[in-house]
Amino acid sequence: MKDGKHRFLLVNDSFCRFPGRCRDELIGRTDHDFFPKEQAELCQAMDDKVFATGEENISEEELGDGKGCAHTVIIKKALCANEAGEKHIVGIIRDISEQKKLAQQLHQRRKWRRSERLPEG
């Protein structure tokens, strides 16, 4: 969860693995403190759009982790408000790297099988 200034208010353990930081190091900080500039700016632009329109945003992105590995993720962001009317962004990130890898392998295998069945000419 982020506030209107893009600062993290709440994070779970799974999210902490992406920047390779503990929860206490993330709270009160922004994406710019942990991610490459281009990636942080993209996240901030998506947040701004959700704040401006109130519409949820779903996107597929490449997200680096604290170990330098890239992950393909689905990011879903939505607007919520607390009892005082303060607006926040709530985000859910789902790592689909393994599914993408398996889908690519399946695609390659099907291509290979089709090429085996074609007569040479």
PDB file of N, CA and C in Angstrom:
ATOM      1  N   MET A   1       0.846  -1.166   0.000  1.00  0.00           N
ATOM      2  CA  MET A   1       0.000   0.000   0.000  1.00  0.00           C
ATOM      3  C   MET A   1       0.895   1.234   0.000  1.00  0.00           C
ATOM      4  N   LYS A   2       0.507   2.231  -0.823  1.00  0.00           N
ATOM      5  CA  LYS A   2       1.261   3.477  -0.918  1.00  0.00           C
ATOM      6  C   LYS A   2       0.338   4.666  -0.662  1.00  0.00           C
ATOM      7  N   ASP A   3       0.949   5.742  -0.183  1.00  0.00           N
ATOM      8  CA  ASP A   3       0.187   6.978   0.004  1.00  0.00           C
ATOM      9  C   ASP A   3       0.278   7.842  -1.256  1.00  0.00           C
ATOM     10  N   GLY A   4      -0.322   9.016  -1.225  1.00  0.00           N
ATOM     11  CA  GLY A   4      -0.344   9.915  -2.377  1.00  0.00           C
ATOM     12  C   GLY A   4       1.020  10.453  -2.771  1.00  0.00           C
ATOM     13  N   LYS A   5       2.015  10.309  -1.905  1.00  0.00           N
ATOM     14  CA  LYS A   5       3.371  10.738  -2.225  1.00  0.00           C
ATOM     15  C   LYS A   5       4.239   9.556  -2.642  1.00  0.00           C
ATOM     16  N   HIS A   6       3.586   8.445  -2.948  1.00  0.00           N
ATOM     17  CA  HIS A   6       4.237   7.226  -3.440  1.00  0.00           C
ATOM     18  C   HIS A   6       5.099   6.525  -2.389  1.00  0.00           C
ATOM     19  N   ARG A   7       4.866   6.804  -1.127  1.00  0.00           N
ATOM     20  CA  ARG A   7       5.630   6.144  -0.064  1.00  0.00           C
ATOM     21  C   ARG A   7       4.921   4.857   0.341  1.00  0.00           C
ATOM     22  N   PHE A   8       5.718   3.821   0.570  1.00  0.00           N
ATOM     23  CA  PHE A   8       5.155   2.549   1.024  1.00  0.00           C
ATOM     24  C   PHE A   8       4.630   2.694   2.444  1.00  0.00           C
ATOM     25  N   LEU A   9       3.399   2.244   2.656  1.00  0.00           N
ATOM     26  CA  LEU A   9       2.793   2.239   3.984  1.00  0.00           C
ATOM     27  C   LEU A   9       2.748   0.835   4.563  1.00  0.00           C
ATOM     28  N   LEU A  10       2.455  -0.131   3.711  1.00  0.00           N
ATOM     29  CA  LEU A  10       2.399  -1.541   4.099  1.00  0.00           C
ATOM     30  C   LEU A  10       3.036  -2.375   2.993  1.00  0.00           C
ATOM     31  N   VAL A  11       3.805  -3.375   3.374  1.00  0.00           N
ATOM     32  CA  VAL A  11       4.376  -4.330   2.424  1.00  0.00           C
ATOM     33  C   VAL A  11       4.380  -5.709   3.082  1.00  0.00           C
ATOM     34  N   ASN A  12       4.292  -6.753   2.266  1.00  0.00           N
ATOM     35  CA  ASN A  12       4.380  -8.097   2.823  1.00  0.00           C
ATOM     36  C   ASN A  12       5.760  -8.691   2.552  1.00  0.00           C
ATOM     37  N   ASP A  13       6.012  -9.845   3.125  1.00  0.00           N
ATOM     38  CA  ASP A  13       7.323 -10.483   2.981  1.00  0.00           C
ATOM     39  C   ASP A  13       7.660 -10.806   1.531  1.00  0.00           C
ATOM     40  N   SER A  14       6.658 -11.198   0.752  1.00  0.00           N
ATOM     41  CA  SER A  14       6.904 -11.525  -0.656  1.00  0.00           C
ATOM     42  C   SER A  14       7.401 -10.306  -1.417  1.00  0.00           C
ATOM     43  N   PHE A  15       6.806  -9.165  -1.172  1.00  0.00           N
ATOM     44  CA  PHE A  15       7.255  -7.956  -1.855  1.00  0.00           C
ATOM     45  C   PHE A  15       8.668  -7.581  -1.414  1.00  0.00           C
ATOM     46  N   CYS A  16       8.989  -7.768  -0.162  1.00  0.00           N
ATOM     47  CA  CYS A  16      10.317  -7.413   0.356  1.00  0.00           C
ATOM     48  C   CYS A  16      11.437  -8.118  -0.395  1.00  0.00           C
ATOM     49  N   ARG A  17      11.153  -9.287  -0.942  1.00  0.00           N
ATOM     50  CA  ARG A  17      12.183 -10.027  -1.682  1.00  0.00           C
ATOM     51  C   ARG A  17      12.592  -9.325  -2.979  1.00  0.00           C
ATOM     52  N   PHE A  18      11.688  -8.553  -3.589  1.00  0.00           N
ATOM     53  CA  PHE A  18      12.043  -7.894  -4.851  1.00  0.00           C
ATOM     54  C   PHE A  18      13.171  -6.887  -4.668  1.00  0.00           C
ATOM     55  N   PRO A  19      13.050  -5.920  -3.773  1.00  0.00           N
ATOM     56  CA  PRO A  19      14.193  -5.016  -3.605  1.00  0.00           C
ATOM     57  C   PRO A  19      15.271  -5.595  -2.691  1.00  0.00           C
ATOM     58  N   GLY A  20      15.001  -6.754  -2.091  1.00  0.00           N
ATOM     59  CA  GLY A  20      15.987  -7.382  -1.207  1.00  0.00           C
ATOM     60  C   GLY A  20      16.152  -6.631   0.099  1.00  0.00           C
ATOM     61  N   ARG A  21      15.071  -6.085   0.602  1.00  0.00           N
ATOM     62  CA  ARG A  21      15.097  -5.295   1.840  1.00  0.00           C
ATOM     63  C   ARG A  21      14.049  -5.819   2.807  1.00  0.00           C
ATOM     64  N   CYS A  22      14.265  -5.524   4.091  1.00  0.00           N
ATOM     65  CA  CYS A  22      13.267  -5.903   5.097  1.00  0.00           C
ATOM     66  C   CYS A  22      12.170  -4.847   5.134  1.00  0.00           C
ATOM     67  N   ARG A  23      11.069  -5.200   5.724  1.00  0.00           N
ATOM     68  CA  ARG A  23       9.888  -4.339   5.786  1.00  0.00           C
ATOM     69  C   ARG A  23      10.227  -2.951   6.340  1.00  0.00           C
ATOM     70  N   ASP A  24      10.990  -2.895   7.425  1.00  0.00           N
ATOM     71  CA  ASP A  24      11.316  -1.613   8.057  1.00  0.00           C
ATOM     72  C   ASP A  24      12.109  -0.691   7.132  1.00  0.00           C
ATOM     73  N   GLU A  25      12.881  -1.272   6.213  1.00  0.00           N
ATOM     74  CA  GLU A  25      13.659  -0.467   5.271  1.00  0.00           C
ATOM     75  C   GLU A  25      12.796   0.092   4.144  1.00  0.00           C
ATOM     76  N   LEU A  26      11.626  -0.496   3.905  1.00  0.00           N
ATOM     77  CA  LEU A  26      10.753  -0.073   2.815  1.00  0.00           C
ATOM     78  C   LEU A  26       9.710   0.961   3.247  1.00  0.00           C
ATOM     79  N   ILE A  27       9.187   0.811   4.456  1.00  0.00           N
ATOM     80  CA  ILE A  27       8.121   1.692   4.923  1.00  0.00           C
ATOM     81  C   ILE A  27       8.606   3.147   4.938  1.00  0.00           C
ATOM     82  N   GLY A  28       7.800   4.015   4.323  1.00  0.00           N
ATOM     83  CA  GLY A  28       8.127   5.434   4.265  1.00  0.00           C
ATOM     84  C   GLY A  28       9.006   5.823   3.092  1.00  0.00           C
ATOM     85  N   ARG A  29       9.462   4.854   2.324  1.00  0.00           N
ATOM     86  CA  ARG A  29      10.341   5.105   1.173  1.00  0.00           C
ATOM     87  C   ARG A  29       9.526   4.936  -0.110  1.00  0.00           C
ATOM     88  N   THR A  30      10.123   5.264  -1.256  1.00  0.00           N
ATOM     89  CA  THR A  30       9.441   5.145  -2.548  1.00  0.00           C
ATOM     90  C   THR A  30      10.181   4.159  -3.443  1.00  0.00           C
ATOM     91  N   ASP A  31       9.576   3.867  -4.576  1.00  0.00           N
ATOM     92  CA  ASP A  31      10.215   2.982  -5.560  1.00  0.00           C
ATOM     93  C   ASP A  31      11.580   3.515  -5.988  1.00  0.00           C
ATOM     94  N   HIS A  32      11.724   4.839  -6.024  1.00  0.00           N
ATOM     95  CA  HIS A  32      12.993   5.455  -6.441  1.00  0.00           C
ATOM     96  C   HIS A  32      14.144   5.108  -5.498  1.00  0.00           C
ATOM     97  N   ASP A  33      13.826   4.729  -4.283  1.00  0.00           N
ATOM     98  CA  ASP A  33      14.870   4.381  -3.315  1.00  0.00           C
ATOM     99  C   ASP A  33      15.449   2.985  -3.544  1.00  0.00           C
ATOM    100  N   PHE A  34      14.779   2.158  -4.347  1.00  0.00           N
ATOM    101  CA  PHE A  34      15.186   0.758  -4.456  1.00  0.00           C
ATOM    102  C   PHE A  34      15.307   0.215  -5.872  1.00  0.00           C
ATOM    103  N   PHE A  35      14.600   0.802  -6.815  1.00  0.00           N
ATOM    104  CA  PHE A  35      14.551   0.261  -8.161  1.00  0.00           C
ATOM    105  C   PHE A  35      15.236   1.210  -9.146  1.00  0.00           C
ATOM    106  N   PRO A  36      15.662   0.709 -10.299  1.00  0.00           N
ATOM    107  CA  PRO A  36      16.255   1.584 -11.324  1.00  0.00           C
ATOM    108  C   PRO A  36      15.284   2.705 -11.692  1.00  0.00           C
ATOM    109  N   LYS A  37      15.837   3.834 -12.109  1.00  0.00           N
ATOM    110  CA  LYS A  37      15.050   5.039 -12.384  1.00  0.00           C
ATOM    111  C   LYS A  37      13.881   4.768 -13.326  1.00  0.00           C
ATOM    112  N   GLU A  38      14.139   4.105 -14.448  1.00  0.00           N
ATOM    113  CA  GLU A  38      13.087   3.848 -15.433  1.00  0.00           C
ATOM    114  C   GLU A  38      11.952   3.013 -14.839  1.00  0.00           C
ATOM    115  N   GLN A  39      12.309   2.003 -14.095  1.00  0.00           N
ATOM    116  CA  GLN A  39      11.318   1.135 -13.457  1.00  0.00           C
ATOM    117  C   GLN A  39      10.519   1.906 -12.415  1.00  0.00           C
ATOM    118  N   ALA A  40      11.201   2.700 -11.597  1.00  0.00           N
ATOM    119  CA  ALA A  40      10.528   3.485 -10.557  1.00  0.00           C
ATOM    120  C   ALA A  40       9.576   4.503 -11.178  1.00  0.00           C
ATOM    121  N   GLU A  41      10.000   5.140 -12.268  1.00  0.00           N
ATOM    122  CA  GLU A  41       9.147   6.127 -12.929  1.00  0.00           C
ATOM    123  C   GLU A  41       7.909   5.481 -13.531  1.00  0.00           C
ATOM    124  N   LEU A  42       8.058   4.279 -14.070  1.00  0.00           N
ATOM    125  CA  LEU A  42       6.913   3.558 -14.615  1.00  0.00           C
ATOM    126  C   LEU A  42       5.911   3.233 -13.506  1.00  0.00           C
ATOM    127  N   CYS A  43       6.410   2.742 -12.375  1.00  0.00           N
ATOM    128  CA  CYS A  43       5.529   2.438 -11.237  1.00  0.00           C
ATOM    129  C   CYS A  43       4.797   3.694 -10.767  1.00  0.00           C
ATOM    130  N   GLN A  44       5.528   4.784 -10.675  1.00  0.00           N
ATOM    131  CA  GLN A  44       4.939   6.034 -10.211  1.00  0.00           C
ATOM    132  C   GLN A  44       3.882   6.537 -11.203  1.00  0.00           C
ATOM    133  N   ALA A  45       4.143   6.407 -12.496  1.00  0.00           N
ATOM    134  CA  ALA A  45       3.168   6.830 -13.507  1.00  0.00           C
ATOM    135  C   ALA A  45       1.890   5.999 -13.414  1.00  0.00           C
ATOM    136  N   MET A  46       2.026   4.687 -13.184  1.00  0.00           N
ATOM    137  CA  MET A  46       0.842   3.833 -13.026  1.00  0.00           C
ATOM    138  C   MET A  46       0.064   4.245 -11.782  1.00  0.00           C
ATOM    139  N   ASP A  47       0.783   4.528 -10.695  1.00  0.00           N
ATOM    140  CA  ASP A  47       0.122   4.985  -9.463  1.00  0.00           C
ATOM    141  C   ASP A  47      -0.638   6.285  -9.708  1.00  0.00           C
ATOM    142  N   ASP A  48       0.021   7.237 -10.379  1.00  0.00           N
ATOM    143  CA  ASP A  48      -0.606   8.533 -10.654  1.00  0.00           C
ATOM    144  C   ASP A  48      -1.891   8.360 -11.457  1.00  0.00           C
ATOM    145  N   LYS A  49      -1.862   7.442 -12.416  1.00  0.00           N
ATOM    146  CA  LYS A  49      -3.050   7.199 -13.231  1.00  0.00           C
ATOM    147  C   LYS A  49      -4.197   6.659 -12.375  1.00  0.00           C
ATOM    148  N   VAL A  50      -3.883   5.757 -11.469  1.00  0.00           N
ATOM    149  CA  VAL A  50      -4.919   5.200 -10.589  1.00  0.00           C
ATOM    150  C   VAL A  50      -5.460   6.300  -9.669  1.00  0.00           C
ATOM    151  N   PHE A  51      -4.573   7.122  -9.097  1.00  0.00           N
ATOM    152  CA  PHE A  51      -5.023   8.234  -8.255  1.00  0.00           C
ATOM    153  C   PHE A  51      -5.915   9.190  -9.039  1.00  0.00           C
ATOM    154  N   ALA A  52      -5.547   9.500 -10.284  1.00  0.00           N
ATOM    155  CA  ALA A  52      -6.275  10.481 -11.093  1.00  0.00           C
ATOM    156  C   ALA A  52      -7.635   9.968 -11.566  1.00  0.00           C
ATOM    157  N   THR A  53      -7.681   8.704 -11.971  1.00  0.00           N
ATOM    158  CA  THR A  53      -8.910   8.176 -12.578  1.00  0.00           C
ATOM    159  C   THR A  53      -9.767   7.366 -11.613  1.00  0.00           C
ATOM    160  N   GLY A  54      -9.140   6.813 -10.573  1.00  0.00           N
ATOM    161  CA  GLY A  54      -9.868   5.923  -9.672  1.00  0.00           C
ATOM    162  C   GLY A  54     -10.057   4.533 -10.246  1.00  0.00           C
ATOM    163  N   GLU A  55      -9.562   4.311 -11.464  1.00  0.00           N
ATOM    164  CA  GLU A  55      -9.708   3.012 -12.119  1.00  0.00           C
ATOM    165  C   GLU A  55      -8.512   2.131 -11.797  1.00  0.00           C
ATOM    166  N   GLU A  56      -8.778   0.829 -11.617  1.00  0.00           N
ATOM    167  CA  GLU A  56      -7.658  -0.072 -11.350  1.00  0.00           C
ATOM    168  C   GLU A  56      -6.801  -0.226 -12.597  1.00  0.00           C
ATOM    169  N   ASN A  57      -5.553  -0.549 -12.379  1.00  0.00           N
ATOM    170  CA  ASN A  57      -4.584  -0.716 -13.450  1.00  0.00           C
ATOM    171  C   ASN A  57      -3.994  -2.110 -13.334  1.00  0.00           C
ATOM    172  N   ILE A  58      -3.991  -2.838 -14.439  1.00  0.00           N
ATOM    173  CA  ILE A  58      -3.385  -4.167 -14.471  1.00  0.00           C
ATOM    174  C   ILE A  58      -2.370  -4.167 -15.607  1.00  0.00           C
ATOM    175  N   SER A  59      -1.151  -4.563 -15.295  1.00  0.00           N
ATOM    176  CA  SER A  59      -0.114  -4.576 -16.320  1.00  0.00           C
ATOM    177  C   SER A  59       0.841  -5.742 -16.089  1.00  0.00           C
ATOM    178  N   GLU A  60       1.502  -6.123 -17.164  1.00  0.00           N
ATOM    179  CA  GLU A  60       2.563  -7.130 -17.092  1.00  0.00           C
ATOM    180  C   GLU A  60       3.879  -6.387 -17.248  1.00  0.00           C
ATOM    181  N   GLU A  61       4.793  -6.601 -16.320  1.00  0.00           N
ATOM    182  CA  GLU A  61       6.050  -5.855 -16.310  1.00  0.00           C
ATOM    183  C   GLU A  61       7.217  -6.790 -16.012  1.00  0.00           C
ATOM    184  N   GLU A  62       8.413  -6.319 -16.323  1.00  0.00           N
ATOM    185  CA  GLU A  62       9.646  -6.978 -15.900  1.00  0.00           C
ATOM    186  C   GLU A  62      10.109  -6.237 -14.652  1.00  0.00           C
ATOM    187  N   LEU A  63      10.307  -6.962 -13.565  1.00  0.00           N
ATOM    188  CA  LEU A  63      10.698  -6.362 -12.294  1.00  0.00           C
ATOM    189  C   LEU A  63      11.960  -7.045 -11.802  1.00  0.00           C
ATOM    190  N   GLY A  64      12.986  -6.251 -11.573  1.00  0.00           N
ATOM    191  CA  GLY A  64      14.230  -6.801 -11.043  1.00  0.00           C
ATOM    192  C   GLY A  64      14.130  -7.012  -9.543  1.00  0.00           C
ATOM    193  N   ASP A  65      14.865  -7.996  -9.051  1.00  0.00           N
ATOM    194  CA  ASP A  65      14.883  -8.221  -7.609  1.00  0.00           C
ATOM    195  C   ASP A  65      16.219  -7.761  -7.026  1.00  0.00           C
ATOM    196  N   GLY A  66      16.355  -7.886  -5.736  1.00  0.00           N
ATOM    197  CA  GLY A  66      17.559  -7.449  -5.043  1.00  0.00           C
ATOM    198  C   GLY A  66      18.802  -8.236  -5.419  1.00  0.00           C
ATOM    199  N   LYS A  67      18.637  -9.362  -6.103  1.00  0.00           N
ATOM    200  CA  LYS A  67      19.769 -10.199  -6.513  1.00  0.00           C
ATOM    201  C   LYS A  67      20.140  -9.980  -7.981  1.00  0.00           C
ATOM    202  N   GLY A  68      19.465  -9.034  -8.628  1.00  0.00           N
ATOM    203  CA  GLY A  68      19.764  -8.749 -10.023  1.00  0.00           C
ATOM    204  C   GLY A  68      19.037  -9.634 -11.022  1.00  0.00           C
ATOM    205  N   CYS A  69      18.101 -10.437 -10.566  1.00  0.00           N
ATOM    206  CA  CYS A  69      17.333 -11.306 -11.449  1.00  0.00           C
ATOM    207  C   CYS A  69      16.055 -10.602 -11.893  1.00  0.00           C
ATOM    208  N   ALA A  70      15.692 -10.789 -13.165  1.00  0.00           N
ATOM    209  CA  ALA A  70      14.461 -10.209 -13.696  1.00  0.00           C
ATOM    210  C   ALA A  70      13.315 -11.196 -13.523  1.00  0.00           C
ATOM    211  N   HIS A  71      12.169 -10.669 -13.163  1.00  0.00           N
ATOM    212  CA  HIS A  71      10.957 -11.475 -12.996  1.00  0.00           C
ATOM    213  C   HIS A  71       9.859 -10.856 -13.853  1.00  0.00           C
ATOM    214  N   THR A  72       9.063 -11.703 -14.490  1.00  0.00           N
ATOM    215  CA  THR A  72       7.876 -11.228 -15.187  1.00  0.00           C
ATOM    216  C   THR A  72       6.742 -11.266 -14.164  1.00  0.00           C
ATOM    217  N   VAL A  73       6.099 -10.122 -13.990  1.00  0.00           N
ATOM    218  CA  VAL A  73       5.065 -10.020 -12.973  1.00  0.00           C
ATOM    219  C   VAL A  73       3.803  -9.387 -13.553  1.00  0.00           C
ATOM    220  N   ILE A  74       2.682  -9.744 -12.962  1.00  0.00           N
ATOM    221  CA  ILE A  74       1.412  -9.064 -13.211  1.00  0.00           C
ATOM    222  C   ILE A  74       1.208  -8.156 -12.005  1.00  0.00           C
ATOM    223  N   ILE A  75       1.003  -6.875 -12.276  1.00  0.00           N
ATOM    224  CA  ILE A  75       0.792  -5.908 -11.197  1.00  0.00           C
ATOM    225  C   ILE A  75      -0.629  -5.371 -11.317  1.00  0.00           C
ATOM    226  N   LYS A  76      -1.364  -5.475 -10.236  1.00  0.00           N
ATOM    227  CA  LYS A  76      -2.721  -4.942 -10.189  1.00  0.00           C
ATOM    228  C   LYS A  76      -2.752  -3.870  -9.106  1.00  0.00           C
ATOM    229  N   LYS A  77      -3.152  -2.664  -9.486  1.00  0.00           N
ATOM    230  CA  LYS A  77      -3.208  -1.555  -8.541  1.00  0.00           C
ATOM    231  C   LYS A  77      -4.621  -0.991  -8.529  1.00  0.00           C
ATOM    232  N   ALA A  78      -5.090  -0.673  -7.325  1.00  0.00           N
ATOM    233  CA  ALA A  78      -6.432  -0.119  -7.175  1.00  0.00           C
ATOM    234  C   ALA A  78      -6.408   0.967  -6.109  1.00  0.00           C
ATOM    235  N   LEU A  79      -7.381   1.842  -6.184  1.00  0.00           N
ATOM    236  CA  LEU A  79      -7.504   2.944  -5.245  1.00  0.00           C
ATOM    237  C   LEU A  79      -8.377   2.519  -4.076  1.00  0.00           C
ATOM    238  N   CYS A  80      -7.980   2.911  -2.885  1.00  0.00           N
ATOM    239  CA  CYS A  80      -8.824   2.693  -1.716  1.00  0.00           C
ATOM    240  C   CYS A  80      -8.722   3.934  -0.833  1.00  0.00           C
ATOM    241  N   ALA A  81      -9.696   4.103   0.050  1.00  0.00           N
ATOM    242  CA  ALA A  81      -9.692   5.250   0.961  1.00  0.00           C
ATOM    243  C   ALA A  81      -9.965   4.750   2.374  1.00  0.00           C
ATOM    244  N   ASN A  82      -9.330   5.398   3.340  1.00  0.00           N
ATOM    245  CA  ASN A  82      -9.563   5.025   4.737  1.00  0.00           C
ATOM    246  C   ASN A  82     -10.753   5.820   5.294  1.00  0.00           C
ATOM    247  N   GLU A  83     -11.023   5.649   6.573  1.00  0.00           N
ATOM    248  CA  GLU A  83     -12.175   6.299   7.203  1.00  0.00           C
ATOM    249  C   GLU A  83     -12.086   7.820   7.125  1.00  0.00           C
ATOM    250  N   ALA A  84     -10.875   8.365   7.098  1.00  0.00           N
ATOM    251  CA  ALA A  84     -10.674   9.816   7.029  1.00  0.00           C
ATOM    252  C   ALA A  84     -10.764  10.342   5.597  1.00  0.00           C
ATOM    253  N   GLY A  85     -10.959   9.443   4.634  1.00  0.00           N
ATOM    254  CA  GLY A  85     -11.053   9.857   3.241  1.00  0.00           C
ATOM    255  C   GLY A  85      -9.716   9.965   2.534  1.00  0.00           C
ATOM    256  N   GLU A  86      -8.627   9.582   3.194  1.00  0.00           N
ATOM    257  CA  GLU A  86      -7.312   9.613   2.567  1.00  0.00           C
ATOM    258  C   GLU A  86      -7.222   8.475   1.546  1.00  0.00           C
ATOM    259  N   LYS A  87      -6.751   8.823   0.352  1.00  0.00           N
ATOM    260  CA  LYS A  87      -6.657   7.829  -0.720  1.00  0.00           C
ATOM    261  C   LYS A  87      -5.285   7.171  -0.729  1.00  0.00           C
ATOM    262  N   HIS A  88      -5.308   5.865  -1.004  1.00  0.00           N
ATOM    263  CA  HIS A  88      -4.084   5.070  -1.072  1.00  0.00           C
ATOM    264  C   HIS A  88      -4.155   4.147  -2.280  1.00  0.00           C
ATOM    265  N   ILE A  89      -2.998   3.707  -2.708  1.00  0.00           N
ATOM    266  CA  ILE A  89      -2.909   2.690  -3.760  1.00  0.00           C
ATOM    267  C   ILE A  89      -2.665   1.340  -3.082  1.00  0.00           C
ATOM    268  N   VAL A  90      -3.455   0.358  -3.455  1.00  0.00           N
ATOM    269  CA  VAL A  90      -3.226  -1.006  -3.000  1.00  0.00           C
ATOM    270  C   VAL A  90      -2.767  -1.795  -4.216  1.00  0.00           C
ATOM    271  N   GLY A  91      -1.636  -2.461  -4.069  1.00  0.00           N
ATOM    272  CA  GLY A  91      -1.088  -3.208  -5.190  1.00  0.00           C
ATOM    273  C   GLY A  91      -0.904  -4.673  -4.865  1.00  0.00           C
ATOM    274  N   ILE A  92      -1.098  -5.480  -5.873  1.00  0.00           N
ATOM    275  CA  ILE A  92      -0.857  -6.922  -5.770  1.00  0.00           C
ATOM    276  C   ILE A  92       0.085  -7.286  -6.910  1.00  0.00           C
ATOM    277  N   ILE A  93       1.151  -7.977  -6.578  1.00  0.00           N
ATOM    278  CA  ILE A  93       2.119  -8.401  -7.584  1.00  0.00           C
ATOM    279  C   ILE A  93       2.150  -9.925  -7.604  1.00  0.00           C
ATOM    280  N   ARG A  94       2.014 -10.478  -8.801  1.00  0.00           N
ATOM    281  CA  ARG A  94       2.064 -11.940  -8.967  1.00  0.00           C
ATOM    282  C   ARG A  94       3.208 -12.268  -9.913  1.00  0.00           C
ATOM    283  N   ASP A  95       4.145 -13.043  -9.438  1.00  0.00           N
ATOM    284  CA  ASP A  95       5.294 -13.449 -10.244  1.00  0.00           C
ATOM    285  C   ASP A  95       4.868 -14.580 -11.173  1.00  0.00           C
ATOM    286  N   ILE A  96       4.926 -14.317 -12.471  1.00  0.00           N
ATOM    287  CA  ILE A  96       4.530 -15.330 -13.460  1.00  0.00           C
ATOM    288  C   ILE A  96       5.728 -15.803 -14.273  1.00  0.00           C
ATOM    289  N   SER A  97       6.924 -15.579 -13.757  1.00  0.00           N
ATOM    290  CA  SER A  97       8.148 -15.941 -14.487  1.00  0.00           C
ATOM    291  C   SER A  97       8.170 -17.421 -14.869  1.00  0.00           C
ATOM    292  N   GLU A  98       7.852 -18.276 -13.938  1.00  0.00           N
ATOM    293  CA  GLU A  98       7.901 -19.715 -14.204  1.00  0.00           C
ATOM    294  C   GLU A  98       6.855 -20.115 -15.242  1.00  0.00           C
ATOM    295  N   GLN A  99       5.651 -19.552 -15.149  1.00  0.00           N
ATOM    296  CA  GLN A  99       4.611 -19.865 -16.128  1.00  0.00           C
ATOM    297  C   GLN A  99       5.035 -19.418 -17.527  1.00  0.00           C
ATOM    298  N   LYS A 100       5.660 -18.241 -17.628  1.00  0.00           N
ATOM    299  CA  LYS A 100       6.121 -17.750 -18.927  1.00  0.00           C
ATOM    300  C   LYS A 100       7.208 -18.667 -19.498  1.00  0.00           C
ATOM    301  N   LYS A 101       8.099 -19.112 -18.626  1.00  0.00           N
ATOM    302  CA  LYS A 101       9.176 -20.005 -19.058  1.00  0.00           C
ATOM    303  C   LYS A 101       8.605 -21.327 -19.578  1.00  0.00           C
ATOM    304  N   LEU A 102       7.645 -21.891 -18.853  1.00  0.00           N
ATOM    305  CA  LEU A 102       7.026 -23.149 -19.269  1.00  0.00           C
ATOM    306  C   LEU A 102       6.247 -22.985 -20.565  1.00  0.00           C
ATOM    307  N   ALA A 103       5.550 -21.859 -20.718  1.00  0.00           N
ATOM    308  CA  ALA A 103       4.802 -21.601 -21.950  1.00  0.00           C
ATOM    309  C   ALA A 103       5.746 -21.500 -23.136  1.00  0.00           C
ATOM    310  N   GLN A 104       6.889 -20.863 -22.948  1.00  0.00           N
ATOM    311  CA  GLN A 104       7.882 -20.752 -24.026  1.00  0.00           C
ATOM    312  C   GLN A 104       8.435 -22.131 -24.401  1.00  0.00           C
ATOM    313  N   GLN A 105       8.700 -22.962 -23.391  1.00  0.00           N
ATOM    314  CA  GLN A 105       9.197 -24.313 -23.660  1.00  0.00           C
ATOM    315  C   GLN A 105       8.160 -25.129 -24.435  1.00  0.00           C
ATOM    316  N   LEU A 106       6.890 -25.004 -24.040  1.00  0.00           N
ATOM    317  CA  LEU A 106       5.822 -25.720 -24.729  1.00  0.00           C
ATOM    318  C   LEU A 106       5.721 -25.253 -26.176  1.00  0.00           C
ATOM    319  N   HIS A 107       5.802 -23.965 -26.388  1.00  0.00           N
ATOM    320  CA  HIS A 107       5.750 -23.411 -27.740  1.00  0.00           C
ATOM    321  C   HIS A 107       6.895 -23.967 -28.595  1.00  0.00           C
ATOM    322  N   GLN A 108       8.100 -23.992 -28.042  1.00  0.00           N
ATOM    323  CA  GLN A 108       9.259 -24.507 -28.779  1.00  0.00           C
ATOM    324  C   GLN A 108       9.095 -25.990 -29.104  1.00  0.00           C
ATOM    325  N   ARG A 109       8.572 -26.740 -28.143  1.00  0.00           N
ATOM    326  CA  ARG A 109       8.373 -28.174 -28.367  1.00  0.00           C
ATOM    327  C   ARG A 109       7.360 -28.414 -29.485  1.00  0.00           C
ATOM    328  N   ARG A 110       6.269 -27.633 -29.481  1.00  0.00           N
ATOM    329  CA  ARG A 110       5.261 -27.790 -30.538  1.00  0.00           C
ATOM    330  C   ARG A 110       5.840 -27.429 -31.895  1.00  0.00           C
ATOM    331  N   LYS A 111       6.640 -26.370 -31.950  1.00  0.00           N
ATOM    332  CA  LYS A 111       7.289 -25.989 -33.210  1.00  0.00           C
ATOM    333  C   LYS A 111       8.194 -27.114 -33.698  1.00  0.00           C
ATOM    334  N   TRP A 112       8.947 -27.704 -32.804  1.00  0.00           N
ATOM    335  CA  TRP A 112       9.863 -28.785 -33.144  1.00  0.00           C
ATOM    336  C   TRP A 112       9.079 -29.990 -33.676  1.00  0.00           C
ATOM    337  N   ARG A 113       7.991 -30.341 -32.997  1.00  0.00           N
ATOM    338  CA  ARG A 113       7.185 -31.493 -33.441  1.00  0.00           C
ATOM    339  C   ARG A 113       6.566 -31.244 -34.805  1.00  0.00           C
ATOM    340  N   ARG A 114       6.090 -30.029 -35.054  1.00  0.00           N
ATOM    341  CA  ARG A 114       5.520 -29.711 -36.365  1.00  0.00           C
ATOM    342  C   ARG A 114       6.578 -29.835 -37.454  1.00  0.00           C
ATOM    343  N   SER A 115       7.767 -29.369 -37.153  1.00  0.00           N
ATOM    344  CA  SER A 115       8.835 -29.433 -38.169  1.00  0.00           C
ATOM    345  C   SER A 115       9.251 -30.858 -38.442  1.00  0.00           C
ATOM    346  N   GLU A 116       9.144 -31.739 -37.438  1.00  0.00           N
ATOM    347  CA  GLU A 116       9.462 -33.161 -37.657  1.00  0.00           C
ATOM    348  C   GLU A 116       8.485 -33.819 -38.604  1.00  0.00           C
ATOM    349  N   ARG A 117       7.220 -33.399 -38.563  1.00  0.00           N
ATOM    350  CA  ARG A 117       6.178 -34.024 -39.371  1.00  0.00           C
ATOM    351  C   ARG A 117       6.135 -33.511 -40.807  1.00  0.00           C
ATOM    352  N   LEU A 118       6.768 -32.383 -41.051  1.00  0.00           N
ATOM    353  CA  LEU A 118       6.741 -31.828 -42.407  1.00  0.00           C
ATOM    354  C   LEU A 118       7.637 -32.645 -43.324  1.00  0.00           C
ATOM    355  N   PRO A 119       7.150 -32.958 -44.514  1.00  0.00           N
ATOM    356  CA  PRO A 119       8.006 -33.696 -45.461  1.00  0.00           C
ATOM    357  C   PRO A 119       9.101 -32.762 -45.986  1.00  0.00           C
ATOM    358  N   GLU A 120      10.230 -33.355 -46.212  1.00  0.00           N
ATOM    359  CA  GLU A 120      11.347 -32.563 -46.752  1.00  0.00           C
ATOM    360  C   GLU A 120      11.100 -32.344 -48.233  1.00  0.00           C
ATOM    361  N   GLY A 121      11.451 -31.164 -48.684  1.00  0.00           N
ATOM    362  CA  GLY A 121      11.167 -30.926 -50.079  1.00  0.00           C
ATOM    363  C   GLY A 121      12.043 -29.981 -50.688  1.00  0.00           C
TER     364      GLY A 121
END
